[in-house]
Amino acid sequence: MEEFDAYRAFEEPELEHGLKLMESVIGGRWNPMILFSIEHGASRYTDIRNSIGHISDTELQRKLNSLIQSGLIMKSALEEDARKSEYQLTFFGKDITHILHHIMEISLKHSTLNGLMGV
């Protein structure tokens, strides 16, 4: 049986791209909160900012643009007023948000089992 080389496996282009994407989504403090906020109905910029709380306008705008570039959310003009826009999860964003929910569940399960709650 051939020995598994984890280092080489992580150099595969598809895996490397996937890991970089996940790091950019999960690695940031605000990205999961923004995705969850949009998932739960906050579609306008002000709604997202209000649901998150302590984030500067500059940082929120930067994170929203990054999530758009990553293909996780999309921005579109409102039909009733083209000067106003809303954000929505893409299909890819919905998939990633679903994964984030599972990561949170696993984290909670294992932190509870290991007595790490509140740490």
PDB file of N, CA and C in Angstrom:
ATOM      1  N   MET A   1       0.845  -1.175   0.000  1.00  0.00           N
ATOM      2  CA  MET A   1       0.000   0.000   0.000  1.00  0.00           C
ATOM      3  C   MET A   1       0.891   1.239   0.000  1.00  0.00           C
ATOM      4  N   GLU A   2       0.554   2.192  -0.866  1.00  0.00           N
ATOM      5  CA  GLU A   2       1.342   3.411  -0.999  1.00  0.00           C
ATOM      6  C   GLU A   2       1.074   4.340   0.188  1.00  0.00           C
ATOM      7  N   GLU A   3       2.146   4.925   0.695  1.00  0.00           N
ATOM      8  CA  GLU A   3       2.033   5.829   1.836  1.00  0.00           C
ATOM      9  C   GLU A   3       1.450   7.168   1.390  1.00  0.00           C
ATOM     10  N   PHE A   4       0.542   7.694   2.188  1.00  0.00           N
ATOM     11  CA  PHE A   4      -0.098   8.984   1.871  1.00  0.00           C
ATOM     12  C   PHE A   4       0.868  10.117   2.182  1.00  0.00           C
ATOM     13  N   ASP A   5       1.051  11.003   1.222  1.00  0.00           N
ATOM     14  CA  ASP A   5       1.914  12.176   1.388  1.00  0.00           C
ATOM     15  C   ASP A   5       1.024  13.412   1.500  1.00  0.00           C
ATOM     16  N   ALA A   6       0.731  13.820   2.717  1.00  0.00           N
ATOM     17  CA  ALA A   6      -0.165  14.956   2.944  1.00  0.00           C
ATOM     18  C   ALA A   6       0.382  16.241   2.348  1.00  0.00           C
ATOM     19  N   TYR A   7       1.673  16.431   2.426  1.00  0.00           N
ATOM     20  CA  TYR A   7       2.268  17.649   1.885  1.00  0.00           C
ATOM     21  C   TYR A   7       2.013  17.735   0.380  1.00  0.00           C
ATOM     22  N   ARG A   8       2.233  16.651  -0.327  1.00  0.00           N
ATOM     23  CA  ARG A   8       1.992  16.635  -1.772  1.00  0.00           C
ATOM     24  C   ARG A   8       0.520  16.796  -2.097  1.00  0.00           C
ATOM     25  N   ALA A   9      -0.328  16.202  -1.288  1.00  0.00           N
ATOM     26  CA  ALA A   9      -1.771  16.300  -1.521  1.00  0.00           C
ATOM     27  C   ALA A   9      -2.229  17.751  -1.435  1.00  0.00           C
ATOM     28  N   PHE A  10      -1.641  18.512  -0.499  1.00  0.00           N
ATOM     29  CA  PHE A  10      -2.031  19.904  -0.332  1.00  0.00           C
ATOM     30  C   PHE A  10      -1.471  20.797  -1.425  1.00  0.00           C
ATOM     31  N   GLU A  11      -0.606  20.269  -2.254  1.00  0.00           N
ATOM     32  CA  GLU A  11      -0.081  21.044  -3.374  1.00  0.00           C
ATOM     33  C   GLU A  11      -0.917  20.877  -4.633  1.00  0.00           C
ATOM     34  N   GLU A  12      -1.887  19.985  -4.620  1.00  0.00           N
ATOM     35  CA  GLU A  12      -2.767  19.802  -5.772  1.00  0.00           C
ATOM     36  C   GLU A  12      -3.534  21.106  -5.993  1.00  0.00           C
ATOM     37  N   PRO A  13      -3.608  21.587  -7.226  1.00  0.00           N
ATOM     38  CA  PRO A  13      -4.246  22.888  -7.504  1.00  0.00           C
ATOM     39  C   PRO A  13      -5.681  23.002  -6.995  1.00  0.00           C
ATOM     40  N   GLU A  14      -6.503  21.959  -7.188  1.00  0.00           N
ATOM     41  CA  GLU A  14      -7.895  22.024  -6.757  1.00  0.00           C
ATOM     42  C   GLU A  14      -7.990  22.132  -5.239  1.00  0.00           C
ATOM     43  N   LEU A  15      -7.215  21.330  -4.538  1.00  0.00           N
ATOM     44  CA  LEU A  15      -7.239  21.354  -3.082  1.00  0.00           C
ATOM     45  C   LEU A  15      -6.691  22.666  -2.563  1.00  0.00           C
ATOM     46  N   GLU A  16      -5.608  23.116  -3.150  1.00  0.00           N
ATOM     47  CA  GLU A  16      -5.004  24.381  -2.715  1.00  0.00           C
ATOM     48  C   GLU A  16      -5.995  25.527  -2.895  1.00  0.00           C
ATOM     49  N   HIS A  17      -6.691  25.574  -4.035  1.00  0.00           N
ATOM     50  CA  HIS A  17      -7.679  26.620  -4.283  1.00  0.00           C
ATOM     51  C   HIS A  17      -8.807  26.538  -3.254  1.00  0.00           C
ATOM     52  N   GLY A  18      -9.305  25.327  -3.007  1.00  0.00           N
ATOM     53  CA  GLY A  18     -10.380  25.142  -2.040  1.00  0.00           C
ATOM     54  C   GLY A  18      -9.986  25.564  -0.636  1.00  0.00           C
ATOM     55  N   LEU A  19      -8.774  25.214  -0.238  1.00  0.00           N
ATOM     56  CA  LEU A  19      -8.306  25.582   1.093  1.00  0.00           C
ATOM     57  C   LEU A  19      -8.122  27.090   1.228  1.00  0.00           C
ATOM     58  N   LYS A  20      -7.616  27.710   0.177  1.00  0.00           N
ATOM     59  CA  LYS A  20      -7.456  29.171   0.216  1.00  0.00           C
ATOM     60  C   LYS A  20      -8.806  29.856   0.310  1.00  0.00           C
ATOM     61  N   LEU A  21      -9.785  29.351  -0.420  1.00  0.00           N
ATOM     62  CA  LEU A  21     -11.119  29.922  -0.357  1.00  0.00           C
ATOM     63  C   LEU A  21     -11.719  29.758   1.031  1.00  0.00           C
ATOM     64  N   MET A  22     -11.628  28.556   1.590  1.00  0.00           N
ATOM     65  CA  MET A  22     -12.174  28.325   2.927  1.00  0.00           C
ATOM     66  C   MET A  22     -11.471  29.183   3.967  1.00  0.00           C
ATOM     67  N   GLU A  23     -10.157  29.339   3.826  1.00  0.00           N
ATOM     68  CA  GLU A  23      -9.423  30.193   4.753  1.00  0.00           C
ATOM     69  C   GLU A  23      -9.903  31.640   4.654  1.00  0.00           C
ATOM     70  N   SER A  24     -10.165  32.103   3.448  1.00  0.00           N
ATOM     71  CA  SER A  24     -10.613  33.486   3.287  1.00  0.00           C
ATOM     72  C   SER A  24     -12.026  33.674   3.849  1.00  0.00           C
ATOM     73  N   VAL A  25     -12.848  32.637   3.783  1.00  0.00           N
ATOM     74  CA  VAL A  25     -14.210  32.745   4.307  1.00  0.00           C
ATOM     75  C   VAL A  25     -14.233  32.559   5.813  1.00  0.00           C
ATOM     76  N   ILE A  26     -13.625  31.493   6.292  1.00  0.00           N
ATOM     77  CA  ILE A  26     -13.676  31.168   7.711  1.00  0.00           C
ATOM     78  C   ILE A  26     -12.654  31.978   8.501  1.00  0.00           C
ATOM     79  N   GLY A  27     -11.540  32.287   7.865  1.00  0.00           N
ATOM     80  CA  GLY A  27     -10.449  32.949   8.568  1.00  0.00           C
ATOM     81  C   GLY A  27     -10.769  34.334   9.081  1.00  0.00           C
ATOM     82  N   GLY A  28     -11.687  35.002   8.439  1.00  0.00           N
ATOM     83  CA  GLY A  28     -12.020  36.348   8.876  1.00  0.00           C
ATOM     84  C   GLY A  28     -13.056  36.339   9.975  1.00  0.00           C
ATOM     85  N   ARG A  29     -12.972  37.313  10.826  1.00  0.00           N
ATOM     86  CA  ARG A  29     -13.928  37.423  11.926  1.00  0.00           C
ATOM     87  C   ARG A  29     -15.328  37.734  11.415  1.00  0.00           C
ATOM     88  N   TRP A  30     -15.411  38.555  10.390  1.00  0.00           N
ATOM     89  CA  TRP A  30     -16.698  39.083   9.972  1.00  0.00           C
ATOM     90  C   TRP A  30     -17.409  38.253   8.910  1.00  0.00           C
ATOM     91  N   ASN A  31     -16.669  37.548   8.082  1.00  0.00           N
ATOM     92  CA  ASN A  31     -17.293  36.859   6.944  1.00  0.00           C
ATOM     93  C   ASN A  31     -18.422  35.907   7.330  1.00  0.00           C
ATOM     94  N   PRO A  32     -18.205  34.995   8.287  1.00  0.00           N
ATOM     95  CA  PRO A  32     -19.323  34.115   8.657  1.00  0.00           C
ATOM     96  C   PRO A  32     -20.530  34.906   9.181  1.00  0.00           C
ATOM     97  N   MET A  33     -20.279  35.957   9.947  1.00  0.00           N
ATOM     98  CA  MET A  33     -21.392  36.759  10.470  1.00  0.00           C
ATOM     99  C   MET A  33     -22.161  37.436   9.341  1.00  0.00           C
ATOM    100  N   ILE A  34     -21.441  37.923   8.330  1.00  0.00           N
ATOM    101  CA  ILE A  34     -22.095  38.559   7.187  1.00  0.00           C
ATOM    102  C   ILE A  34     -22.931  37.529   6.435  1.00  0.00           C
ATOM    103  N   LEU A  35     -22.358  36.365   6.181  1.00  0.00           N
ATOM    104  CA  LEU A  35     -23.094  35.310   5.469  1.00  0.00           C
ATOM    105  C   LEU A  35     -24.335  34.885   6.242  1.00  0.00           C
ATOM    106  N   PHE A  36     -24.211  34.679   7.548  1.00  0.00           N
ATOM    107  CA  PHE A  36     -25.363  34.283   8.364  1.00  0.00           C
ATOM    108  C   PHE A  36     -26.407  35.394   8.397  1.00  0.00           C
ATOM    109  N   SER A  37     -25.956  36.626   8.448  1.00  0.00           N
ATOM    110  CA  SER A  37     -26.871  37.767   8.466  1.00  0.00           C
ATOM    111  C   SER A  37     -27.701  37.810   7.189  1.00  0.00           C
ATOM    112  N   ILE A  38     -27.049  37.639   6.055  1.00  0.00           N
ATOM    113  CA  ILE A  38     -27.756  37.625   4.769  1.00  0.00           C
ATOM    114  C   ILE A  38     -28.676  36.406   4.688  1.00  0.00           C
ATOM    115  N   GLU A  39     -28.186  35.274   5.166  1.00  0.00           N
ATOM    116  CA  GLU A  39     -28.998  34.051   5.157  1.00  0.00           C
ATOM    117  C   GLU A  39     -30.298  34.239   5.937  1.00  0.00           C
ATOM    118  N   HIS A  40     -30.241  35.011   7.014  1.00  0.00           N
ATOM    119  CA  HIS A  40     -31.415  35.206   7.871  1.00  0.00           C
ATOM    120  C   HIS A  40     -32.229  36.447   7.501  1.00  0.00           C
ATOM    121  N   GLY A  41     -32.020  36.962   6.285  1.00  0.00           N
ATOM    122  CA  GLY A  41     -32.925  37.991   5.776  1.00  0.00           C
ATOM    123  C   GLY A  41     -32.408  39.412   5.713  1.00  0.00           C
ATOM    124  N   ALA A  42     -31.232  39.683   6.229  1.00  0.00           N
ATOM    125  CA  ALA A  42     -30.681  41.034   6.132  1.00  0.00           C
ATOM    126  C   ALA A  42     -30.089  41.195   4.730  1.00  0.00           C
ATOM    127  N   SER A  43     -30.804  41.884   3.860  1.00  0.00           N
ATOM    128  CA  SER A  43     -30.344  41.971   2.474  1.00  0.00           C
ATOM    129  C   SER A  43     -29.779  43.346   2.127  1.00  0.00           C
ATOM    130  N   ARG A  44     -30.169  44.360   2.856  1.00  0.00           N
ATOM    131  CA  ARG A  44     -29.680  45.711   2.594  1.00  0.00           C
ATOM    132  C   ARG A  44     -28.451  45.988   3.443  1.00  0.00           C
ATOM    133  N   TYR A  45     -27.593  46.876   2.970  1.00  0.00           N
ATOM    134  CA  TYR A  45     -26.345  47.204   3.659  1.00  0.00           C
ATOM    135  C   TYR A  45     -26.600  47.569   5.124  1.00  0.00           C
ATOM    136  N   THR A  46     -27.568  48.456   5.357  1.00  0.00           N
ATOM    137  CA  THR A  46     -27.849  48.907   6.727  1.00  0.00           C
ATOM    138  C   THR A  46     -28.339  47.768   7.606  1.00  0.00           C
ATOM    139  N   ASP A  47     -29.160  46.888   7.036  1.00  0.00           N
ATOM    140  CA  ASP A  47     -29.653  45.727   7.795  1.00  0.00           C
ATOM    141  C   ASP A  47     -28.493  44.824   8.210  1.00  0.00           C
ATOM    142  N   ILE A  48     -27.568  44.601   7.271  1.00  0.00           N
ATOM    143  CA  ILE A  48     -26.410  43.748   7.568  1.00  0.00           C
ATOM    144  C   ILE A  48     -25.570  44.387   8.660  1.00  0.00           C
ATOM    145  N   ARG A  49     -25.275  45.680   8.519  1.00  0.00           N
ATOM    146  CA  ARG A  49     -24.469  46.391   9.517  1.00  0.00           C
ATOM    147  C   ARG A  49     -25.142  46.350  10.887  1.00  0.00           C
ATOM    148  N   ASN A  50     -26.443  46.583  10.929  1.00  0.00           N
ATOM    149  CA  ASN A  50     -27.161  46.575  12.204  1.00  0.00           C
ATOM    150  C   ASN A  50     -27.207  45.191  12.836  1.00  0.00           C
ATOM    151  N   SER A  51     -27.302  44.148  12.014  1.00  0.00           N
ATOM    152  CA  SER A  51     -27.379  42.799  12.581  1.00  0.00           C
ATOM    153  C   SER A  51     -26.026  42.338  13.124  1.00  0.00           C
ATOM    154  N   ILE A  52     -24.952  42.866  12.560  1.00  0.00           N
ATOM    155  CA  ILE A  52     -23.617  42.477  13.011  1.00  0.00           C
ATOM    156  C   ILE A  52     -23.180  43.295  14.216  1.00  0.00           C
ATOM    157  N   GLY A  53     -23.430  44.575  14.171  1.00  0.00           N
ATOM    158  CA  GLY A  53     -23.041  45.414  15.300  1.00  0.00           C
ATOM    159  C   GLY A  53     -21.738  46.151  15.077  1.00  0.00           C
ATOM    160  N   HIS A  54     -20.743  45.829  15.835  1.00  0.00           N
ATOM    161  CA  HIS A  54     -19.505  46.614  15.924  1.00  0.00           C
ATOM    162  C   HIS A  54     -18.547  46.383  14.754  1.00  0.00           C
ATOM    163  N   ILE A  55     -18.940  46.854  13.582  1.00  0.00           N
ATOM    164  CA  ILE A  55     -18.073  46.783  12.414  1.00  0.00           C
ATOM    165  C   ILE A  55     -18.119  48.156  11.740  1.00  0.00           C
ATOM    166  N   SER A  56     -16.986  48.643  11.342  1.00  0.00           N
ATOM    167  CA  SER A  56     -16.949  49.951  10.688  1.00  0.00           C
ATOM    168  C   SER A  56     -17.510  49.838   9.273  1.00  0.00           C
ATOM    169  N   ASP A  57     -17.982  50.960   8.750  1.00  0.00           N
ATOM    170  CA  ASP A  57     -18.500  50.962   7.378  1.00  0.00           C
ATOM    171  C   ASP A  57     -17.421  50.557   6.383  1.00  0.00           C
ATOM    172  N   THR A  58     -16.205  51.031   6.612  1.00  0.00           N
ATOM    173  CA  THR A  58     -15.093  50.695   5.720  1.00  0.00           C
ATOM    174  C   THR A  58     -14.842  49.197   5.707  1.00  0.00           C
ATOM    175  N   GLU A  59     -14.789  48.602   6.881  1.00  0.00           N
ATOM    176  CA  GLU A  59     -14.532  47.161   6.982  1.00  0.00           C
ATOM    177  C   GLU A  59     -15.677  46.352   6.385  1.00  0.00           C
ATOM    178  N   LEU A  60     -16.919  46.748   6.655  1.00  0.00           N
ATOM    179  CA  LEU A  60     -18.063  46.024   6.102  1.00  0.00           C
ATOM    180  C   LEU A  60     -18.054  46.098   4.584  1.00  0.00           C
ATOM    181  N   GLN A  61     -17.803  47.274   4.040  1.00  0.00           N
ATOM    182  CA  GLN A  61     -17.770  47.412   2.581  1.00  0.00           C
ATOM    183  C   GLN A  61     -16.661  46.558   1.977  1.00  0.00           C
ATOM    184  N   ARG A  62     -15.505  46.541   2.636  1.00  0.00           N
ATOM    185  CA  ARG A  62     -14.381  45.727   2.163  1.00  0.00           C
ATOM    186  C   ARG A  62     -14.734  44.242   2.182  1.00  0.00           C
ATOM    187  N   LYS A  63     -15.367  43.793   3.258  1.00  0.00           N
ATOM    188  CA  LYS A  63     -15.753  42.381   3.381  1.00  0.00           C
ATOM    189  C   LYS A  63     -16.839  42.009   2.367  1.00  0.00           C
ATOM    190  N   LEU A  64     -17.819  42.869   2.172  1.00  0.00           N
ATOM    191  CA  LEU A  64     -18.861  42.596   1.187  1.00  0.00           C
ATOM    192  C   LEU A  64     -18.262  42.470  -0.213  1.00  0.00           C
ATOM    193  N   ASN A  65     -17.369  43.384  -0.558  1.00  0.00           N
ATOM    194  CA  ASN A  65     -16.713  43.311  -1.874  1.00  0.00           C
ATOM    195  C   ASN A  65     -15.906  42.024  -2.027  1.00  0.00           C
ATOM    196  N   SER A  66     -15.238  41.623  -0.960  1.00  0.00           N
ATOM    197  CA  SER A  66     -14.454  40.386  -0.990  1.00  0.00           C
ATOM    198  C   SER A  66     -15.361  39.167  -1.179  1.00  0.00           C
ATOM    199  N   LEU A  67     -16.498  39.151  -0.509  1.00  0.00           N
ATOM    200  CA  LEU A  67     -17.443  38.036  -0.641  1.00  0.00           C
ATOM    201  C   LEU A  67     -18.064  38.008  -2.038  1.00  0.00           C
ATOM    202  N   ILE A  68     -18.257  39.179  -2.633  1.00  0.00           N
ATOM    203  CA  ILE A  68     -18.738  39.245  -4.016  1.00  0.00           C
ATOM    204  C   ILE A  68     -17.679  38.673  -4.944  1.00  0.00           C
ATOM    205  N   GLN A  69     -16.428  39.087  -4.754  1.00  0.00           N
ATOM    206  CA  GLN A  69     -15.324  38.601  -5.599  1.00  0.00           C
ATOM    207  C   GLN A  69     -15.148  37.086  -5.476  1.00  0.00           C
ATOM    208  N   SER A  70     -15.402  36.553  -4.294  1.00  0.00           N
ATOM    209  CA  SER A  70     -15.277  35.111  -4.064  1.00  0.00           C
ATOM    210  C   SER A  70     -16.463  34.332  -4.625  1.00  0.00           C
ATOM    211  N   GLY A  71     -17.500  35.036  -5.044  1.00  0.00           N
ATOM    212  CA  GLY A  71     -18.676  34.378  -5.602  1.00  0.00           C
ATOM    213  C   GLY A  71     -19.644  33.857  -4.563  1.00  0.00           C
ATOM    214  N   LEU A  72     -19.525  34.336  -3.312  1.00  0.00           N
ATOM    215  CA  LEU A  72     -20.390  33.851  -2.244  1.00  0.00           C
ATOM    216  C   LEU A  72     -21.678  34.662  -2.119  1.00  0.00           C
ATOM    217  N   ILE A  73     -21.618  35.939  -2.471  1.00  0.00           N
ATOM    218  CA  ILE A  73     -22.804  36.790  -2.448  1.00  0.00           C
ATOM    219  C   ILE A  73     -22.852  37.569  -3.756  1.00  0.00           C
ATOM    220  N   MET A  74     -24.034  38.108  -4.045  1.00  0.00           N
ATOM    221  CA  MET A  74     -24.169  38.982  -5.203  1.00  0.00           C
ATOM    222  C   MET A  74     -24.925  40.231  -4.764  1.00  0.00           C
ATOM    223  N   LYS A  75     -24.662  41.291  -5.465  1.00  0.00           N
ATOM    224  CA  LYS A  75     -25.290  42.577  -5.182  1.00  0.00           C
ATOM    225  C   LYS A  75     -26.130  42.953  -6.390  1.00  0.00           C
ATOM    226  N   SER A  76     -27.361  43.356  -6.132  1.00  0.00           N
ATOM    227  CA  SER A  76     -28.227  43.751  -7.238  1.00  0.00           C
ATOM    228  C   SER A  76     -29.040  44.984  -6.835  1.00  0.00           C
ATOM    229  N   ALA A  77     -29.406  45.774  -7.841  1.00  0.00           N
ATOM    230  CA  ALA A  77     -30.206  46.975  -7.618  1.00  0.00           C
ATOM    231  C   ALA A  77     -31.648  46.568  -7.324  1.00  0.00           C
ATOM    232  N   LEU A  78     -32.280  47.327  -6.461  1.00  0.00           N
ATOM    233  CA  LEU A  78     -33.689  47.080  -6.172  1.00  0.00           C
ATOM    234  C   LEU A  78     -34.537  47.563  -7.344  1.00  0.00           C
ATOM    235  N   GLU A  79     -35.591  46.850  -7.658  1.00  0.00           N
ATOM    236  CA  GLU A  79     -36.460  47.225  -8.777  1.00  0.00           C
ATOM    237  C   GLU A  79     -37.143  48.564  -8.539  1.00  0.00           C
ATOM    238  N   GLU A  80     -37.582  48.804  -7.314  1.00  0.00           N
ATOM    239  CA  GLU A  80     -38.330  50.026  -7.028  1.00  0.00           C
ATOM    240  C   GLU A  80     -37.446  51.275  -6.961  1.00  0.00           C
ATOM    241  N   ASP A  81     -36.143  51.091  -6.711  1.00  0.00           N
ATOM    242  CA  ASP A  81     -35.225  52.233  -6.654  1.00  0.00           C
ATOM    243  C   ASP A  81     -33.829  51.740  -7.008  1.00  0.00           C
ATOM    244  N   ALA A  82     -33.413  51.995  -8.227  1.00  0.00           N
ATOM    245  CA  ALA A  82     -32.135  51.481  -8.737  1.00  0.00           C
ATOM    246  C   ALA A  82     -30.937  52.045  -7.985  1.00  0.00           C
ATOM    247  N   ARG A  83     -31.127  53.133  -7.222  1.00  0.00           N
ATOM    248  CA  ARG A  83     -30.019  53.692  -6.426  1.00  0.00           C
ATOM    249  C   ARG A  83     -29.743  52.849  -5.189  1.00  0.00           C
ATOM    250  N   LYS A  84     -30.699  52.024  -4.818  1.00  0.00           N
ATOM    251  CA  LYS A  84     -30.551  51.164  -3.648  1.00  0.00           C
ATOM    252  C   LYS A  84     -30.261  49.746  -4.100  1.00  0.00           C
ATOM    253  N   SER A  85     -29.516  49.025  -3.287  1.00  0.00           N
ATOM    254  CA  SER A  85     -29.164  47.660  -3.665  1.00  0.00           C
ATOM    255  C   SER A  85     -29.378  46.696  -2.502  1.00  0.00           C
ATOM    256  N   GLU A  86     -29.345  45.427  -2.844  1.00  0.00           N
ATOM    257  CA  GLU A  86     -29.476  44.380  -1.837  1.00  0.00           C
ATOM    258  C   GLU A  86     -28.454  43.292  -2.124  1.00  0.00           C
ATOM    259  N   TYR A  87     -28.149  42.533  -1.087  1.00  0.00           N
ATOM    260  CA  TYR A  87     -27.186  41.436  -1.183  1.00  0.00           C
ATOM    261  C   TYR A  87     -27.928  40.131  -0.986  1.00  0.00           C
ATOM    262  N   GLN A  88     -27.501  39.121  -1.741  1.00  0.00           N
ATOM    263  CA  GLN A  88     -28.082  37.789  -1.623  1.00  0.00           C
ATOM    264  C   GLN A  88     -26.967  36.761  -1.684  1.00  0.00           C
ATOM    265  N   LEU A  89     -27.209  35.629  -1.022  1.00  0.00           N
ATOM    266  CA  LEU A  89     -26.275  34.516  -1.146  1.00  0.00           C
ATOM    267  C   LEU A  89     -26.410  33.909  -2.533  1.00  0.00           C
ATOM    268  N   THR A  90     -25.295  33.560  -3.128  1.00  0.00           N
ATOM    269  CA  THR A  90     -25.319  32.787  -4.372  1.00  0.00           C
ATOM    270  C   THR A  90     -25.549  31.322  -3.990  1.00  0.00           C
ATOM    271  N   PHE A  91     -25.719  30.453  -4.982  1.00  0.00           N
ATOM    272  CA  PHE A  91     -25.829  29.021  -4.670  1.00  0.00           C
ATOM    273  C   PHE A  91     -24.571  28.551  -3.950  1.00  0.00           C
ATOM    274  N   PHE A  92     -23.438  29.047  -4.413  1.00  0.00           N
ATOM    275  CA  PHE A  92     -22.162  28.708  -3.775  1.00  0.00           C
ATOM    276  C   PHE A  92     -22.140  29.224  -2.334  1.00  0.00           C
ATOM    277  N   GLY A  93     -22.617  30.439  -2.124  1.00  0.00           N
ATOM    278  CA  GLY A  93     -22.675  31.015  -0.785  1.00  0.00           C
ATOM    279  C   GLY A  93     -23.577  30.215   0.139  1.00  0.00           C
ATOM    280  N   LYS A  94     -24.681  29.713  -0.404  1.00  0.00           N
ATOM    281  CA  LYS A  94     -25.589  28.870   0.390  1.00  0.00           C
ATOM    282  C   LYS A  94     -24.886  27.579   0.791  1.00  0.00           C
ATOM    283  N   ASP A  95     -24.140  26.994  -0.139  1.00  0.00           N
ATOM    284  CA  ASP A  95     -23.394  25.768   0.174  1.00  0.00           C
ATOM    285  C   ASP A  95     -22.361  26.027   1.273  1.00  0.00           C
ATOM    286  N   ILE A  96     -21.618  27.110   1.136  1.00  0.00           N
ATOM    287  CA  ILE A  96     -20.587  27.441   2.129  1.00  0.00           C
ATOM    288  C   ILE A  96     -21.225  27.734   3.484  1.00  0.00           C
ATOM    289  N   THR A  97     -22.333  28.447   3.490  1.00  0.00           N
ATOM    290  CA  THR A  97     -23.022  28.759   4.748  1.00  0.00           C
ATOM    291  C   THR A  97     -23.504  27.475   5.415  1.00  0.00           C
ATOM    292  N   HIS A  98     -23.990  26.544   4.613  1.00  0.00           N
ATOM    293  CA  HIS A  98     -24.412  25.237   5.131  1.00  0.00           C
ATOM    294  C   HIS A  98     -23.224  24.533   5.810  1.00  0.00           C
ATOM    295  N   ILE A  99     -22.067  24.582   5.172  1.00  0.00           N
ATOM    296  CA  ILE A  99     -20.850  23.986   5.744  1.00  0.00           C
ATOM    297  C   ILE A  99     -20.470  24.689   7.044  1.00  0.00           C
ATOM    298  N   LEU A 100     -20.576  26.013   7.068  1.00  0.00           N
ATOM    299  CA  LEU A 100     -20.248  26.762   8.289  1.00  0.00           C
ATOM    300  C   LEU A 100     -21.153  26.349   9.454  1.00  0.00           C
ATOM    301  N   HIS A 101     -22.428  26.101   9.166  1.00  0.00           N
ATOM    302  CA  HIS A 101     -23.344  25.618  10.212  1.00  0.00           C
ATOM    303  C   HIS A 101     -22.865  24.278  10.768  1.00  0.00           C
ATOM    304  N   HIS A 102     -22.427  23.385   9.883  1.00  0.00           N
ATOM    305  CA  HIS A 102     -21.918  22.083  10.337  1.00  0.00           C
ATOM    306  C   HIS A 102     -20.653  22.250  11.169  1.00  0.00           C
ATOM    307  N   ILE A 103     -19.777  23.131  10.772  1.00  0.00           N
ATOM    308  CA  ILE A 103     -18.551  23.378  11.543  1.00  0.00           C
ATOM    309  C   ILE A 103     -18.911  23.883  12.937  1.00  0.00           C
ATOM    310  N   MET A 104     -19.891  24.773  13.017  1.00  0.00           N
ATOM    311  CA  MET A 104     -20.316  25.273  14.323  1.00  0.00           C
ATOM    312  C   MET A 104     -20.907  24.156  15.179  1.00  0.00           C
ATOM    313  N   GLU A 105     -21.723  23.284  14.570  1.00  0.00           N
ATOM    314  CA  GLU A 105     -22.309  22.166  15.303  1.00  0.00           C
ATOM    315  C   GLU A 105     -21.234  21.217  15.836  1.00  0.00           C
ATOM    316  N   ILE A 106     -20.271  20.900  14.986  1.00  0.00           N
ATOM    317  CA  ILE A 106     -19.185  20.005  15.392  1.00  0.00           C
ATOM    318  C   ILE A 106     -18.364  20.645  16.505  1.00  0.00           C
ATOM    319  N   SER A 107     -18.076  21.926  16.359  1.00  0.00           N
ATOM    320  CA  SER A 107     -17.310  22.639  17.373  1.00  0.00           C
ATOM    321  C   SER A 107     -18.045  22.638  18.711  1.00  0.00           C
ATOM    322  N   LEU A 108     -19.328  22.917  18.676  1.00  0.00           N
ATOM    323  CA  LEU A 108     -20.128  22.922  19.904  1.00  0.00           C
ATOM    324  C   LEU A 108     -20.177  21.533  20.525  1.00  0.00           C
ATOM    325  N   LYS A 109     -20.381  20.522  19.692  1.00  0.00           N
ATOM    326  CA  LYS A 109     -20.452  19.146  20.182  1.00  0.00           C
ATOM    327  C   LYS A 109     -19.153  18.751  20.882  1.00  0.00           C
ATOM    328  N   HIS A 110     -18.034  19.028  20.244  1.00  0.00           N
ATOM    329  CA  HIS A 110     -16.765  18.595  20.798  1.00  0.00           C
ATOM    330  C   HIS A 110     -16.291  19.472  21.954  1.00  0.00           C
ATOM    331  N   SER A 111     -16.636  20.733  21.927  1.00  0.00           N
ATOM    332  CA  SER A 111     -16.263  21.574  23.059  1.00  0.00           C
ATOM    333  C   SER A 111     -17.078  21.191  24.287  1.00  0.00           C
ATOM    334  N   THR A 112     -18.325  20.767  24.089  1.00  0.00           N
ATOM    335  CA  THR A 112     -19.163  20.305  25.191  1.00  0.00           C
ATOM    336  C   THR A 112     -18.638  18.979  25.735  1.00  0.00           C
ATOM    337  N   LEU A 113     -18.296  18.064  24.830  1.00  0.00           N
ATOM    338  CA  LEU A 113     -17.785  16.752  25.245  1.00  0.00           C
ATOM    339  C   LEU A 113     -16.468  16.879  26.006  1.00  0.00           C
ATOM    340  N   ASN A 114     -15.654  17.810  25.600  1.00  0.00           N
ATOM    341  CA  ASN A 114     -14.340  17.972  26.216  1.00  0.00           C
ATOM    342  C   ASN A 114     -14.325  19.003  27.340  1.00  0.00           C
ATOM    343  N   GLY A 115     -15.510  19.487  27.726  1.00  0.00           N
ATOM    344  CA  GLY A 115     -15.583  20.437  28.824  1.00  0.00           C
ATOM    345  C   GLY A 115     -14.969  21.788  28.502  1.00  0.00           C
ATOM    346  N   LEU A 116     -15.036  22.191  27.257  1.00  0.00           N
ATOM    347  CA  LEU A 116     -14.397  23.438  26.846  1.00  0.00           C
ATOM    348  C   LEU A 116     -15.376  24.593  26.692  1.00  0.00           C
ATOM    349  N   MET A 117     -16.625  24.400  27.051  1.00  0.00           N
ATOM    350  CA  MET A 117     -17.603  25.479  26.912  1.00  0.00           C
ATOM    351  C   MET A 117     -17.181  26.659  27.772  1.00  0.00           C
ATOM    352  N   GLY A 118     -17.303  27.830  27.196  1.00  0.00           N
ATOM    353  CA  GLY A 118     -16.961  29.044  27.935  1.00  0.00           C
ATOM    354  C   GLY A 118     -15.485  29.349  27.954  1.00  0.00           C
ATOM    355  N   VAL A 119     -14.674  28.562  27.238  1.00  0.00           N
ATOM    356  CA  VAL A 119     -13.229  28.805  27.219  1.00  0.00           C
ATOM    357  C   VAL A 119     -12.899  29.754  26.115  1.00  0.00           C
TER     358      VAL A 119
END
